[in-house]
Amino acid sequence: MGPSPSFAWRLQDFLAHPIRLGIIVALLVGIPTSILLVDELRVGALGSTEGRIAVLLLLLATGGTVGLISGQLLQALRRQAFTDSLTGLYNRRFMDAQLGLLDSRAGRYGRNYSVLVFDIDGLKQVNDTHGHDVGDIALRRFATILTDALRRSDVAIRTGGDEFVAVLPETPCADARIIFDRIRARVFALRETDPRLTIGVSAGAVGWRSGRSLEKLVKDADTLLLSAKRAGKDRLETEPVPA
């Protein structure tokens, strides 16, 4: 018997998360008699010999089928696991799995960074008036604007719905306003090329401080985003500069 139909999805999910010693692979592949002990396989090891061996063991566990998995396929699986299918940006899974590295780098080397959390104003009205297909166009256009406004070292993420996050390494919070103003102007200009895209953008911005994790930064920026929405939308709220 070959692999189950949902094996590809389960393999993708397996590759996207750290695996601790003693994980019962049967829970992932649906075969209660198959147990593999894997010592902390991480996404970063997918191109390694250990990563390939672990994948082959998984194939064996699904019914004795031995397959040859190339490095390109492993990279494709990783990219699919970490990419938002609508916009092509990174997704929340990527943020949760990878960007914690910024915390250790910031703490060790004093390399600060800022976080912007965006919400698209008026997207619900676009969906209600023109349909979700046009709403999807608005989301993709915003993703393009966001990517174009950022540097190559910055990271753009769609965390879900109409909310996006930008992580800006080596950037103080004061500079986040320059980026926001650039994005806001380009979003407003969308209606000139497509009158259906009557959207705006609100955001909250915070900067890293010692002892402040990425998770806390995102939560604080989201709180400021809510303040921007309550204050009339189409604006950026930032935290006070510490004395």
Foldseek 3Di string as FASTA:
>chain_A
DFADPCLLVLVLVVALDWDDFFDACCVSRVDVVGGDGQHTHHNVCCQPPSNQVVVQSSRCSRPHDGDDDDPVNSVVSNLVSQADPLQRAGEVSCCVRPVQVVLVCCQPVVWKKKKKKKFKAPLVVLCVPPNVVVSSVLQNVLSVLLVVLADPPKGWYDHDDRMIMIIGISDAQVCVVVSLVSSQVVQCCVCVVPVSSNIGMEMEMEMDDPPQTPVNNVVVRVVQSVVCVVVPGRYYGYDDDDD
